[in-house]
Amino acid sequence: LTTTQLVVLAGEIRCKGVYENGQWAEGAQEEIEATVRRTVKE
C-alpha cells in the first residue's frame, strides 16, 4: 500500500537467510527498507 509519505508491506514469506522458523535474519528488515527506498528513488 502506498499513500502520502507511507509504504505498508503485508503478506506471507519464507526465505533462507532472510526469514526462517518465524525469525528475521540479522539485517534482513533493514535490507527490505533499503529496497523500498531505492525503488521509490529510481
Full PDB file with SEQRES, HELIX, SHEET, SSBOND, CRYST1, ORIGX, SCALE, CONECT and MASTER records, all heavy atoms in Angstrom:
SEQRES   1 A   42  LEU THR THR THR GLN LEU VAL VAL LEU ALA GLY GLU ILE          
SEQRES   2 A   42  ARG CYS LYS GLY VAL TYR GLU ASN GLY GLN TRP ALA GLU          
SEQRES   3 A   42  GLY ALA GLN GLU GLU ILE GLU ALA THR VAL ARG ARG THR          
SEQRES   4 A   42  VAL LYS GLU                                                  
HELIX    1 AA1 ALA A   28  LYS A   41  1                                  14    
SHEET    1 AA1 2 THR A   2  THR A   3  0                                        
SHEET    2 AA1 2 LEU A   6  VAL A   7 -1                                        
SHEET    1 AA2 2 TYR A  19  GLU A  20  0                                        
SHEET    2 AA2 2 GLN A  23  TRP A  24 -1                                        
CRYST1    1.000    1.000    1.000  90.00  90.00  90.00 P 1           1          
ORIGX1      1.000000  0.000000  0.000000        0.00000                         
ORIGX2      0.000000  1.000000  0.000000        0.00000                         
ORIGX3      0.000000  0.000000  1.000000        0.00000                         
SCALE1      1.000000  0.000000  0.000000        0.00000                         
SCALE2      0.000000  1.000000  0.000000        0.00000                         
SCALE3      0.000000  0.000000  1.000000        0.00000                         
ATOM      1  N   LEU A   1       0.867  -1.180   0.000  1.00  0.00           N  
ATOM      2  CA  LEU A   1       0.000   0.000   0.000  1.00  0.00           C  
ATOM      3  C   LEU A   1       0.900   1.225   0.000  1.00  0.00           C  
ATOM      4  O   LEU A   1       1.851   1.311   0.791  1.00  0.00           O  
ATOM      5  CB  LEU A   1      -0.887   0.014   1.249  1.00  0.00           C  
ATOM      6  CG  LEU A   1      -1.522   1.361   1.629  1.00  0.00           C  
ATOM      7  CD1 LEU A   1      -2.617   1.744   0.648  1.00  0.00           C  
ATOM      8  CD2 LEU A   1      -2.064   1.341   3.057  1.00  0.00           C  
ATOM      9  N   THR A   2       0.617   2.162  -0.887  1.00  0.00           N  
ATOM     10  CA  THR A   2       1.338   3.434  -0.881  1.00  0.00           C  
ATOM     11  C   THR A   2       0.338   4.575  -0.743  1.00  0.00           C  
ATOM     12  O   THR A   2      -0.713   4.580  -1.374  1.00  0.00           O  
ATOM     13  CB  THR A   2       2.149   3.624  -2.181  1.00  0.00           C  
ATOM     14  OG1 THR A   2       1.284   3.489  -3.318  1.00  0.00           O  
ATOM     15  CG2 THR A   2       3.260   2.612  -2.278  1.00  0.00           C  
ATOM     16  N   THR A   3       0.684   5.539   0.096  1.00  0.00           N  
ATOM     17  CA  THR A   3      -0.127   6.746   0.249  1.00  0.00           C  
ATOM     18  C   THR A   3       0.814   7.862   0.694  1.00  0.00           C  
ATOM     19  O   THR A   3       2.042   7.696   0.662  1.00  0.00           O  
ATOM     20  CB  THR A   3      -1.293   6.522   1.220  1.00  0.00           C  
ATOM     21  OG1 THR A   3      -2.162   7.660   1.203  1.00  0.00           O  
ATOM     22  CG2 THR A   3      -0.823   6.243   2.639  1.00  0.00           C  
ATOM     23  N   THR A   4       0.271   8.982   1.098  1.00  0.00           N  
ATOM     24  CA  THR A   4       1.106  10.135   1.437  1.00  0.00           C  
ATOM     25  C   THR A   4       2.176   9.770   2.465  1.00  0.00           C  
ATOM     26  O   THR A   4       1.858   9.382   3.596  1.00  0.00           O  
ATOM     27  CB  THR A   4       0.228  11.282   1.964  1.00  0.00           C  
ATOM     28  OG1 THR A   4      -0.752  11.608   0.966  1.00  0.00           O  
ATOM     29  CG2 THR A   4       1.066  12.506   2.279  1.00  0.00           C  
ATOM     30  N   GLN A   5       3.411   9.817   2.044  1.00  0.00           N  
ATOM     31  CA  GLN A   5       4.587   9.584   2.889  1.00  0.00           C  
ATOM     32  C   GLN A   5       4.532   8.262   3.657  1.00  0.00           C  
ATOM     33  O   GLN A   5       5.078   8.158   4.754  1.00  0.00           O  
ATOM     34  CB  GLN A   5       4.770  10.748   3.874  1.00  0.00           C  
ATOM     35  CG  GLN A   5       5.335  12.007   3.223  1.00  0.00           C  
ATOM     36  CD  GLN A   5       6.769  11.821   2.747  1.00  0.00           C  
ATOM     37  OE1 GLN A   5       7.038  11.183   1.737  1.00  0.00           O  
ATOM     38  NE2 GLN A   5       7.701  12.376   3.500  1.00  0.00           N  
ATOM     39  N   LEU A   6       3.896   7.235   3.073  1.00  0.00           N  
ATOM     40  CA  LEU A   6       3.775   5.958   3.767  1.00  0.00           C  
ATOM     41  C   LEU A   6       3.781   4.812   2.768  1.00  0.00           C  
ATOM     42  O   LEU A   6       3.099   4.855   1.741  1.00  0.00           O  
ATOM     43  CB  LEU A   6       2.477   5.915   4.587  1.00  0.00           C  
ATOM     44  CG  LEU A   6       2.154   4.593   5.294  1.00  0.00           C  
ATOM     45  CD1 LEU A   6       3.191   4.276   6.378  1.00  0.00           C  
ATOM     46  CD2 LEU A   6       0.752   4.644   5.909  1.00  0.00           C  
ATOM     47  N   VAL A   7       4.561   3.772   3.083  1.00  0.00           N  
ATOM     48  CA  VAL A   7       4.548   2.496   2.368  1.00  0.00           C  
ATOM     49  C   VAL A   7       4.292   1.395   3.386  1.00  0.00           C  
ATOM     50  O   VAL A   7       4.992   1.303   4.404  1.00  0.00           O  
ATOM     51  CB  VAL A   7       5.883   2.239   1.639  1.00  0.00           C  
ATOM     52  CG1 VAL A   7       5.908   0.826   1.051  1.00  0.00           C  
ATOM     53  CG2 VAL A   7       6.118   3.272   0.554  1.00  0.00           C  
ATOM     54  N   VAL A   8       3.288   0.564   3.128  1.00  0.00           N  
ATOM     55  CA  VAL A   8       2.952  -0.550   4.013  1.00  0.00           C  
ATOM     56  C   VAL A   8       3.133  -1.853   3.245  1.00  0.00           C  
ATOM     57  O   VAL A   8       2.566  -2.033   2.161  1.00  0.00           O  
ATOM     58  CB  VAL A   8       1.500  -0.447   4.527  1.00  0.00           C  
ATOM     59  CG1 VAL A   8       1.177  -1.635   5.439  1.00  0.00           C  
ATOM     60  CG2 VAL A   8       1.283   0.870   5.265  1.00  0.00           C  
ATOM     61  N   LEU A   9       3.918  -2.765   3.799  1.00  0.00           N  
ATOM     62  CA  LEU A   9       4.111  -4.095   3.228  1.00  0.00           C  
ATOM     63  C   LEU A   9       3.346  -5.106   4.062  1.00  0.00           C  
ATOM     64  O   LEU A   9       3.352  -5.044   5.298  1.00  0.00           O  
ATOM     65  CB  LEU A   9       5.589  -4.484   3.228  1.00  0.00           C  
ATOM     66  CG  LEU A   9       6.586  -3.527   2.575  1.00  0.00           C  
ATOM     67  CD1 LEU A   9       8.000  -4.078   2.716  1.00  0.00           C  
ATOM     68  CD2 LEU A   9       6.244  -3.298   1.116  1.00  0.00           C  
ATOM     69  N   ALA A  10       2.700  -6.060   3.390  1.00  0.00           N  
ATOM     70  CA  ALA A  10       1.989  -7.131   4.094  1.00  0.00           C  
ATOM     71  C   ALA A  10       2.036  -8.388   3.240  1.00  0.00           C  
ATOM     72  O   ALA A  10       2.105  -8.318   2.011  1.00  0.00           O  
ATOM     73  CB  ALA A  10       0.542  -6.734   4.377  1.00  0.00           C  
ATOM     74  N   GLY A  11       1.993  -9.541   3.897  1.00  0.00           N  
ATOM     75  CA  GLY A  11       1.964 -10.782   3.143  1.00  0.00           C  
ATOM     76  C   GLY A  11       2.737 -11.888   3.835  1.00  0.00           C  
ATOM     77  O   GLY A  11       3.168 -11.751   4.989  1.00  0.00           O  
ATOM     78  N   GLU A  12       2.929 -12.974   3.084  1.00  0.00           N  
ATOM     79  CA  GLU A  12       3.487 -14.196   3.643  1.00  0.00           C  
ATOM     80  C   GLU A  12       4.793 -14.544   2.927  1.00  0.00           C  
ATOM     81  O   GLU A  12       4.860 -14.467   1.696  1.00  0.00           O  
ATOM     82  CB  GLU A  12       2.499 -15.354   3.488  1.00  0.00           C  
ATOM     83  CG  GLU A  12       1.176 -15.127   4.220  1.00  0.00           C  
ATOM     84  CD  GLU A  12       0.264 -14.133   3.514  1.00  0.00           C  
ATOM     85  OE1 GLU A  12       0.111 -14.236   2.287  1.00  0.00           O  
ATOM     86  OE2 GLU A  12      -0.263 -13.220   4.186  1.00  0.00           O  
ATOM     87  N   ILE A  13       5.780 -14.979   3.691  1.00  0.00           N  
ATOM     88  CA  ILE A  13       7.108 -15.209   3.124  1.00  0.00           C  
ATOM     89  C   ILE A  13       7.777 -16.438   3.743  1.00  0.00           C  
ATOM     90  O   ILE A  13       7.419 -16.897   4.825  1.00  0.00           O  
ATOM     91  CB  ILE A  13       8.027 -13.986   3.356  1.00  0.00           C  
ATOM     92  CG1 ILE A  13       8.108 -13.675   4.856  1.00  0.00           C  
ATOM     93  CG2 ILE A  13       7.544 -12.785   2.561  1.00  0.00           C  
ATOM     94  CD1 ILE A  13       9.117 -12.598   5.203  1.00  0.00           C  
ATOM     95  N   ARG A  14       8.749 -16.946   3.009  1.00  0.00           N  
ATOM     96  CA  ARG A  14       9.680 -17.965   3.510  1.00  0.00           C  
ATOM     97  C   ARG A  14      10.934 -17.849   2.665  1.00  0.00           C  
ATOM     98  O   ARG A  14      10.863 -17.921   1.434  1.00  0.00           O  
ATOM     99  CB  ARG A  14       9.081 -19.365   3.377  1.00  0.00           C  
ATOM    100  CG  ARG A  14       9.902 -20.462   4.075  1.00  0.00           C  
ATOM    101  CD  ARG A  14       9.215 -21.799   3.959  1.00  0.00           C  
ATOM    102  NE  ARG A  14       9.390 -22.391   2.640  1.00  0.00           N  
ATOM    103  CZ  ARG A  14       8.629 -23.376   2.161  1.00  0.00           C  
ATOM    104  NH1 ARG A  14       7.618 -23.833   2.867  1.00  0.00           N  
ATOM    105  NH2 ARG A  14       8.872 -23.882   0.967  1.00  0.00           N  
ATOM    106  N   CYS A  15      12.082 -17.659   3.290  1.00  0.00           N  
ATOM    107  CA  CYS A  15      13.291 -17.423   2.522  1.00  0.00           C  
ATOM    108  C   CYS A  15      14.526 -17.727   3.364  1.00  0.00           C  
ATOM    109  O   CYS A  15      14.713 -17.139   4.433  1.00  0.00           O  
ATOM    110  CB  CYS A  15      13.333 -15.965   2.045  1.00  0.00           C  
ATOM    111  SG  CYS A  15      14.767 -15.554   1.028  1.00  0.00           S  
ATOM    112  N   LYS A  16      15.373 -18.611   2.876  1.00  0.00           N  
ATOM    113  CA  LYS A  16      16.613 -18.938   3.572  1.00  0.00           C  
ATOM    114  C   LYS A  16      17.502 -17.704   3.664  1.00  0.00           C  
ATOM    115  O   LYS A  16      17.700 -16.988   2.681  1.00  0.00           O  
ATOM    116  CB  LYS A  16      17.355 -20.047   2.832  1.00  0.00           C  
ATOM    117  CG  LYS A  16      16.638 -21.390   2.849  1.00  0.00           C  
ATOM    118  CD  LYS A  16      17.392 -22.422   2.031  1.00  0.00           C  
ATOM    119  CE  LYS A  16      16.638 -23.743   2.016  1.00  0.00           C  
ATOM    120  NZ  LYS A  16      17.311 -24.763   1.153  1.00  0.00           N  
ATOM    121  N   GLY A  17      18.001 -17.464   4.845  1.00  0.00           N  
ATOM    122  CA  GLY A  17      18.877 -16.330   5.054  1.00  0.00           C  
ATOM    123  C   GLY A  17      18.165 -15.014   5.243  1.00  0.00           C  
ATOM    124  O   GLY A  17      18.813 -13.982   5.465  1.00  0.00           O  
ATOM    125  N   VAL A  18      16.824 -15.038   5.163  1.00  0.00           N  
ATOM    126  CA  VAL A  18      16.045 -13.811   5.369  1.00  0.00           C  
ATOM    127  C   VAL A  18      15.000 -14.021   6.453  1.00  0.00           C  
ATOM    128  O   VAL A  18      14.957 -13.274   7.437  1.00  0.00           O  
ATOM    129  CB  VAL A  18      15.362 -13.350   4.065  1.00  0.00           C  
ATOM    130  CG1 VAL A  18      14.481 -12.126   4.325  1.00  0.00           C  
ATOM    131  CG2 VAL A  18      16.396 -13.029   3.001  1.00  0.00           C  
ATOM    132  N   TYR A  19      14.153 -15.038   6.285  1.00  0.00           N  
ATOM    133  CA  TYR A  19      13.103 -15.310   7.265  1.00  0.00           C  
ATOM    134  C   TYR A  19      12.928 -16.813   7.359  1.00  0.00           C  
ATOM    135  O   TYR A  19      12.441 -17.451   6.431  1.00  0.00           O  
ATOM    136  CB  TYR A  19      11.793 -14.640   6.848  1.00  0.00           C  
ATOM    137  CG  TYR A  19      10.717 -14.664   7.917  1.00  0.00           C  
ATOM    138  CD1 TYR A  19      10.567 -13.600   8.798  1.00  0.00           C  
ATOM    139  CD2 TYR A  19       9.857 -15.750   8.042  1.00  0.00           C  
ATOM    140  CE1 TYR A  19       9.577 -13.620   9.788  1.00  0.00           C  
ATOM    141  CE2 TYR A  19       8.875 -15.777   9.018  1.00  0.00           C  
ATOM    142  CZ  TYR A  19       8.738 -14.707   9.890  1.00  0.00           C  
ATOM    143  OH  TYR A  19       7.768 -14.733  10.856  1.00  0.00           O  
ATOM    144  N   GLU A  20      13.346 -17.397   8.494  1.00  0.00           N  
ATOM    145  CA  GLU A  20      13.256 -18.841   8.710  1.00  0.00           C  
ATOM    146  C   GLU A  20      12.786 -19.120  10.128  1.00  0.00           C  
ATOM    147  O   GLU A  20      13.173 -18.427  11.075  1.00  0.00           O  
ATOM    148  CB  GLU A  20      14.611 -19.501   8.495  1.00  0.00           C  
ATOM    149  CG  GLU A  20      15.178 -19.383   7.093  1.00  0.00           C  
ATOM    150  CD  GLU A  20      16.517 -20.081   6.959  1.00  0.00           C  
ATOM    151  OE1 GLU A  20      16.519 -21.304   6.712  1.00  0.00           O  
ATOM    152  OE2 GLU A  20      17.555 -19.414   7.113  1.00  0.00           O  
ATOM    153  N   ASN A  21      11.928 -20.132  10.242  1.00  0.00           N  
ATOM    154  CA  ASN A  21      11.448 -20.571  11.560  1.00  0.00           C  
ATOM    155  C   ASN A  21      10.862 -19.418  12.376  1.00  0.00           C  
ATOM    156  O   ASN A  21      11.061 -19.326  13.597  1.00  0.00           O  
ATOM    157  CB  ASN A  21      12.586 -21.244  12.341  1.00  0.00           C  
ATOM    158  CG  ASN A  21      13.170 -22.430  11.591  1.00  0.00           C  
ATOM    159  OD1 ASN A  21      12.432 -23.249  11.042  1.00  0.00           O  
ATOM    160  ND2 ASN A  21      14.496 -22.511  11.550  1.00  0.00           N  
ATOM    161  N   GLY A  22      10.152 -18.556  11.677  1.00  0.00           N  
ATOM    162  CA  GLY A  22       9.467 -17.468  12.361  1.00  0.00           C  
ATOM    163  C   GLY A  22      10.359 -16.324  12.799  1.00  0.00           C  
ATOM    164  O   GLY A  22       9.910 -15.447  13.555  1.00  0.00           O  
ATOM    165  N   GLN A  23      11.603 -16.287  12.309  1.00  0.00           N  
ATOM    166  CA  GLN A  23      12.534 -15.256  12.756  1.00  0.00           C  
ATOM    167  C   GLN A  23      13.182 -14.563  11.563  1.00  0.00           C  
ATOM    168  O   GLN A  23      13.507 -15.194  10.555  1.00  0.00           O  
ATOM    169  CB  GLN A  23      13.640 -15.900  13.622  1.00  0.00           C  
ATOM    170  CG  GLN A  23      13.148 -16.563  14.881  1.00  0.00           C  
ATOM    171  CD  GLN A  23      12.585 -15.579  15.893  1.00  0.00           C  
ATOM    172  OE1 GLN A  23      13.115 -14.463  16.033  1.00  0.00           O  
ATOM    173  NE2 GLN A  23      11.532 -15.969  16.600  1.00  0.00           N  
ATOM    174  N   TRP A  24      13.387 -13.260  11.710  1.00  0.00           N  
ATOM    175  CA  TRP A  24      14.123 -12.498  10.708  1.00  0.00           C  
ATOM    176  C   TRP A  24      15.617 -12.692  10.906  1.00  0.00           C  
ATOM    177  O   TRP A  24      16.118 -12.686  12.033  1.00  0.00           O  
ATOM    178  CB  TRP A  24      13.816 -11.011  10.829  1.00  0.00           C  
ATOM    179  CG  TRP A  24      12.444 -10.615  10.378  1.00  0.00           C  
ATOM    180  CD1 TRP A  24      11.356 -10.361  11.169  1.00  0.00           C  
ATOM    181  CD2 TRP A  24      12.020 -10.418   9.033  1.00  0.00           C  
ATOM    182  NE1 TRP A  24      10.279 -10.020  10.401  1.00  0.00           N  
ATOM    183  CE2 TRP A  24      10.649 -10.045   9.074  1.00  0.00           C  
ATOM    184  CE3 TRP A  24      12.648 -10.508   7.790  1.00  0.00           C  
ATOM    185  CZ2 TRP A  24       9.914  -9.774   7.935  1.00  0.00           C  
ATOM    186  CZ3 TRP A  24      11.920 -10.243   6.646  1.00  0.00           C  
ATOM    187  CH2 TRP A  24      10.571  -9.878   6.714  1.00  0.00           C  
ATOM    188  N   ALA A  25      16.344 -12.863   9.823  1.00  0.00           N  
ATOM    189  CA  ALA A  25      17.793 -12.883   9.888  1.00  0.00           C  
ATOM    190  C   ALA A  25      18.306 -11.480  10.212  1.00  0.00           C  
ATOM    191  O   ALA A  25      17.650 -10.477   9.908  1.00  0.00           O  
ATOM    192  CB  ALA A  25      18.379 -13.368   8.567  1.00  0.00           C  
ATOM    193  N   GLU A  26      19.482 -11.412  10.791  1.00  0.00           N  
ATOM    194  CA  GLU A  26      20.055 -10.126  11.157  1.00  0.00           C  
ATOM    195  C   GLU A  26      20.248  -9.261   9.911  1.00  0.00           C  
ATOM    196  O   GLU A  26      20.817  -9.700   8.905  1.00  0.00           O  
ATOM    197  CB  GLU A  26      21.403 -10.328  11.856  1.00  0.00           C  
ATOM    198  CG  GLU A  26      22.021  -9.037  12.367  1.00  0.00           C  
ATOM    199  CD  GLU A  26      23.322  -9.273  13.132  1.00  0.00           C  
ATOM    200  OE1 GLU A  26      23.661 -10.444  13.361  1.00  0.00           O  
ATOM    201  OE2 GLU A  26      23.984  -8.273  13.472  1.00  0.00           O  
ATOM    202  N   GLY A  27      19.754  -8.038   9.964  1.00  0.00           N  
ATOM    203  CA  GLY A  27      19.908  -7.093   8.875  1.00  0.00           C  
ATOM    204  C   GLY A  27      18.884  -7.225   7.766  1.00  0.00           C  
ATOM    205  O   GLY A  27      18.849  -6.382   6.841  1.00  0.00           O  
ATOM    206  N   ALA A  28      18.022  -8.263   7.820  1.00  0.00           N  
ATOM    207  CA  ALA A  28      17.080  -8.505   6.722  1.00  0.00           C  
ATOM    208  C   ALA A  28      16.036  -7.400   6.607  1.00  0.00           C  
ATOM    209  O   ALA A  28      15.715  -6.948   5.499  1.00  0.00           O  
ATOM    210  CB  ALA A  28      16.400  -9.860   6.913  1.00  0.00           C  
ATOM    211  N   GLN A  29      15.502  -6.963   7.739  1.00  0.00           N  
ATOM    212  CA  GLN A  29      14.468  -5.931   7.682  1.00  0.00           C  
ATOM    213  C   GLN A  29      15.034  -4.600   7.190  1.00  0.00           C  
ATOM    214  O   GLN A  29      14.358  -3.851   6.466  1.00  0.00           O  
ATOM    215  CB  GLN A  29      13.816  -5.780   9.055  1.00  0.00           C  
ATOM    216  CG  GLN A  29      13.040  -7.024   9.480  1.00  0.00           C  
ATOM    217  CD  GLN A  29      12.238  -6.809  10.739  1.00  0.00           C  
ATOM    218  OE1 GLN A  29      11.161  -6.220  10.716  1.00  0.00           O  
ATOM    219  NE2 GLN A  29      12.756  -7.290  11.865  1.00  0.00           N  
ATOM    220  N   GLU A  30      16.278  -4.331   7.560  1.00  0.00           N  
ATOM    221  CA  GLU A  30      16.921  -3.115   7.081  1.00  0.00           C  
ATOM    222  C   GLU A  30      17.145  -3.185   5.564  1.00  0.00           C  
ATOM    223  O   GLU A  30      17.016  -2.173   4.857  1.00  0.00           O  
ATOM    224  CB  GLU A  30      18.253  -2.910   7.800  1.00  0.00           C  
ATOM    225  CG  GLU A  30      18.133  -2.533   9.274  1.00  0.00           C  
ATOM    226  CD  GLU A  30      17.804  -3.729  10.181  1.00  0.00           C  
ATOM    227  OE1 GLU A  30      17.836  -4.885   9.695  1.00  0.00           O  
ATOM    228  OE2 GLU A  30      17.501  -3.506  11.368  1.00  0.00           O  
ATOM    229  N   GLU A  31      17.462  -4.376   5.048  1.00  0.00           N  
ATOM    230  CA  GLU A  31      17.661  -4.532   3.605  1.00  0.00           C  
ATOM    231  C   GLU A  31      16.341  -4.370   2.849  1.00  0.00           C  
ATOM    232  O   GLU A  31      16.314  -3.806   1.746  1.00  0.00           O  
ATOM    233  CB  GLU A  31      18.280  -5.903   3.314  1.00  0.00           C  
ATOM    234  CG  GLU A  31      18.794  -6.021   1.901  1.00  0.00           C  
ATOM    235  CD  GLU A  31      19.680  -7.227   1.693  1.00  0.00           C  
ATOM    236  OE1 GLU A  31      19.832  -8.052   2.625  1.00  0.00           O  
ATOM    237  OE2 GLU A  31      20.223  -7.355   0.575  1.00  0.00           O  
ATOM    238  N   ILE A  32      15.260  -4.834   3.448  1.00  0.00           N  
ATOM    239  CA  ILE A  32      13.942  -4.628   2.841  1.00  0.00           C  
ATOM    240  C   ILE A  32      13.612  -3.143   2.772  1.00  0.00           C  
ATOM    241  O   ILE A  32      13.154  -2.629   1.748  1.00  0.00           O  
ATOM    242  CB  ILE A  32      12.865  -5.409   3.626  1.00  0.00           C  
ATOM    243  CG1 ILE A  32      13.025  -6.910   3.370  1.00  0.00           C  
ATOM    244  CG2 ILE A  32      11.459  -4.936   3.247  1.00  0.00           C  
ATOM    245  CD1 ILE A  32      12.175  -7.783   4.262  1.00  0.00           C  
ATOM    246  N   GLU A  33      13.854  -2.420   3.865  1.00  0.00           N  
ATOM    247  CA  GLU A  33      13.582  -0.977   3.866  1.00  0.00           C  
ATOM    248  C   GLU A  33      14.432  -0.265   2.822  1.00  0.00           C  
ATOM    249  O   GLU A  33      13.932   0.619   2.093  1.00  0.00           O  
ATOM    250  CB  GLU A  33      13.858  -0.387   5.245  1.00  0.00           C  
ATOM    251  CG  GLU A  33      13.633   1.123   5.287  1.00  0.00           C  
ATOM    252  CD  GLU A  33      13.736   1.718   6.685  1.00  0.00           C  
ATOM    253  OE1 GLU A  33      13.409   1.018   7.654  1.00  0.00           O  
ATOM    254  OE2 GLU A  33      14.140   2.895   6.766  1.00  0.00           O  
ATOM    255  N   ALA A  34      15.693  -0.646   2.708  1.00  0.00           N  
ATOM    256  CA  ALA A  34      16.565  -0.021   1.713  1.00  0.00           C  
ATOM    257  C   ALA A  34      16.072  -0.303   0.297  1.00  0.00           C  
ATOM    258  O   ALA A  34      16.163   0.561  -0.586  1.00  0.00           O  
ATOM    259  CB  ALA A  34      17.996  -0.530   1.888  1.00  0.00           C  
ATOM    260  N   THR A  35      15.532  -1.495   0.071  1.00  0.00           N  
ATOM    261  CA  THR A  35      14.996  -1.861  -1.240  1.00  0.00           C  
ATOM    262  C   THR A  35      13.785  -0.996  -1.580  1.00  0.00           C  
ATOM    263  O   THR A  35      13.639  -0.528  -2.719  1.00  0.00           O  
ATOM    264  CB  THR A  35      14.618  -3.355  -1.258  1.00  0.00           C  
ATOM    265  OG1 THR A  35      15.796  -4.135  -1.034  1.00  0.00           O  
ATOM    266  CG2 THR A  35      13.991  -3.744  -2.586  1.00  0.00           C  
ATOM    267  N   VAL A  36      12.926  -0.769  -0.605  1.00  0.00           N  
ATOM    268  CA  VAL A  36      11.751   0.081  -0.819  1.00  0.00           C  
ATOM    269  C   VAL A  36      12.192   1.495  -1.194  1.00  0.00           C  
ATOM    270  O   VAL A  36      11.717   2.077  -2.182  1.00  0.00           O  
ATOM    271  CB  VAL A  36      10.854   0.103   0.430  1.00  0.00           C  
ATOM    272  CG1 VAL A  36       9.753   1.156   0.275  1.00  0.00           C  
ATOM    273  CG2 VAL A  36      10.247  -1.273   0.692  1.00  0.00           C  
ATOM    274  N   ARG A  37      13.090   2.053  -0.422  1.00  0.00           N  
ATOM    275  CA  ARG A  37      13.524   3.434  -0.675  1.00  0.00           C  
ATOM    276  C   ARG A  37      14.221   3.549  -2.035  1.00  0.00           C  
ATOM    277  O   ARG A  37      14.008   4.518  -2.771  1.00  0.00           O  
ATOM    278  CB  ARG A  37      14.447   3.911   0.445  1.00  0.00           C  
ATOM    279  CG  ARG A  37      13.741   4.032   1.792  1.00  0.00           C  
ATOM    280  CD  ARG A  37      14.570   4.774   2.820  1.00  0.00           C  
ATOM    281  NE  ARG A  37      13.950   4.682   4.130  1.00  0.00           N  
ATOM    282  CZ  ARG A  37      12.921   5.432   4.531  1.00  0.00           C  
ATOM    283  NH1 ARG A  37      12.418   6.337   3.705  1.00  0.00           N  
ATOM    284  NH2 ARG A  37      12.410   5.277   5.738  1.00  0.00           N  
ATOM    285  N   ARG A  38      15.042   2.577  -2.362  1.00  0.00           N  
ATOM    286  CA  ARG A  38      15.740   2.620  -3.649  1.00  0.00           C  
ATOM    287  C   ARG A  38      14.751   2.556  -4.812  1.00  0.00           C  
ATOM    288  O   ARG A  38      14.913   3.270  -5.817  1.00  0.00           O  
ATOM    289  CB  ARG A  38      16.733   1.468  -3.741  1.00  0.00           C  
ATOM    290  CG  ARG A  38      17.548   1.474  -5.033  1.00  0.00           C  
ATOM    291  CD  ARG A  38      18.646   0.428  -5.017  1.00  0.00           C  
ATOM    292  NE  ARG A  38      18.130  -0.922  -4.910  1.00  0.00           N  
ATOM    293  CZ  ARG A  38      18.215  -1.677  -3.819  1.00  0.00           C  
ATOM    294  NH1 ARG A  38      18.804  -1.221  -2.722  1.00  0.00           N  
ATOM    295  NH2 ARG A  38      17.725  -2.899  -3.810  1.00  0.00           N  
ATOM    296  N   THR A  39      13.721   1.748  -4.683  1.00  0.00           N  
ATOM    297  CA  THR A  39      12.721   1.639  -5.744  1.00  0.00           C  
ATOM    298  C   THR A  39      12.001   2.960  -5.956  1.00  0.00           C  
ATOM    299  O   THR A  39      11.830   3.422  -7.092  1.00  0.00           O  
ATOM    300  CB  THR A  39      11.706   0.529  -5.403  1.00  0.00           C  
ATOM    301  OG1 THR A  39      12.406  -0.718  -5.223  1.00  0.00           O  
ATOM    302  CG2 THR A  39      10.673   0.369  -6.507  1.00  0.00           C  
ATOM    303  N   VAL A  40      11.587   3.583  -4.872  1.00  0.00           N  
ATOM    304  CA  VAL A  40      10.887   4.875  -4.970  1.00  0.00           C  
ATOM    305  C   VAL A  40      11.806   5.944  -5.542  1.00  0.00           C  
ATOM    306  O   VAL A  40      11.401   6.773  -6.366  1.00  0.00           O  
ATOM    307  CB  VAL A  40      10.331   5.287  -3.596  1.00  0.00           C  
ATOM    308  CG1 VAL A  40       9.700   6.680  -3.656  1.00  0.00           C  
ATOM    309  CG2 VAL A  40       9.309   4.267  -3.096  1.00  0.00           C  
ATOM    310  N   LYS A  41      13.070   5.916  -5.145  1.00  0.00           N  
ATOM    311  CA  LYS A  41      14.048   6.883  -5.666  1.00  0.00           C  
ATOM    312  C   LYS A  41      14.243   6.708  -7.167  1.00  0.00           C  
ATOM    313  O   LYS A  41      14.287   7.693  -7.924  1.00  0.00           O  
ATOM    314  CB  LYS A  41      15.380   6.710  -4.939  1.00  0.00           C  
ATOM    315  CG  LYS A  41      16.458   7.687  -5.390  1.00  0.00           C  
ATOM    316  CD  LYS A  41      17.772   7.445  -4.650  1.00  0.00           C  
ATOM    317  CE  LYS A  41      18.846   8.441  -5.078  1.00  0.00           C  
ATOM    318  NZ  LYS A  41      20.137   8.180  -4.372  1.00  0.00           N  
ATOM    319  N   GLU A  42      14.350   5.457  -7.615  1.00  0.00           N  
ATOM    320  CA  GLU A  42      14.571   5.200  -9.040  1.00  0.00           C  
ATOM    321  C   GLU A  42      13.370   5.614  -9.883  1.00  0.00           C  
ATOM    322  O   GLU A  42      13.529   6.048 -11.032  1.00  0.00           O  
ATOM    323  CB  GLU A  42      14.897   3.719  -9.252  1.00  0.00           C  
ATOM    324  CG  GLU A  42      16.284   3.340  -8.732  1.00  0.00           C  
ATOM    325  CD  GLU A  42      16.536   1.849  -8.769  1.00  0.00           C  
ATOM    326  OE1 GLU A  42      15.587   1.080  -9.081  1.00  0.00           O  
ATOM    327  OE2 GLU A  42      17.673   1.436  -8.468  1.00  0.00           O  
TER     328      GLU A  42                                                      
MASTER        0    0    0    1    4    0    0    6  327    1    0    4          
END                                                                             
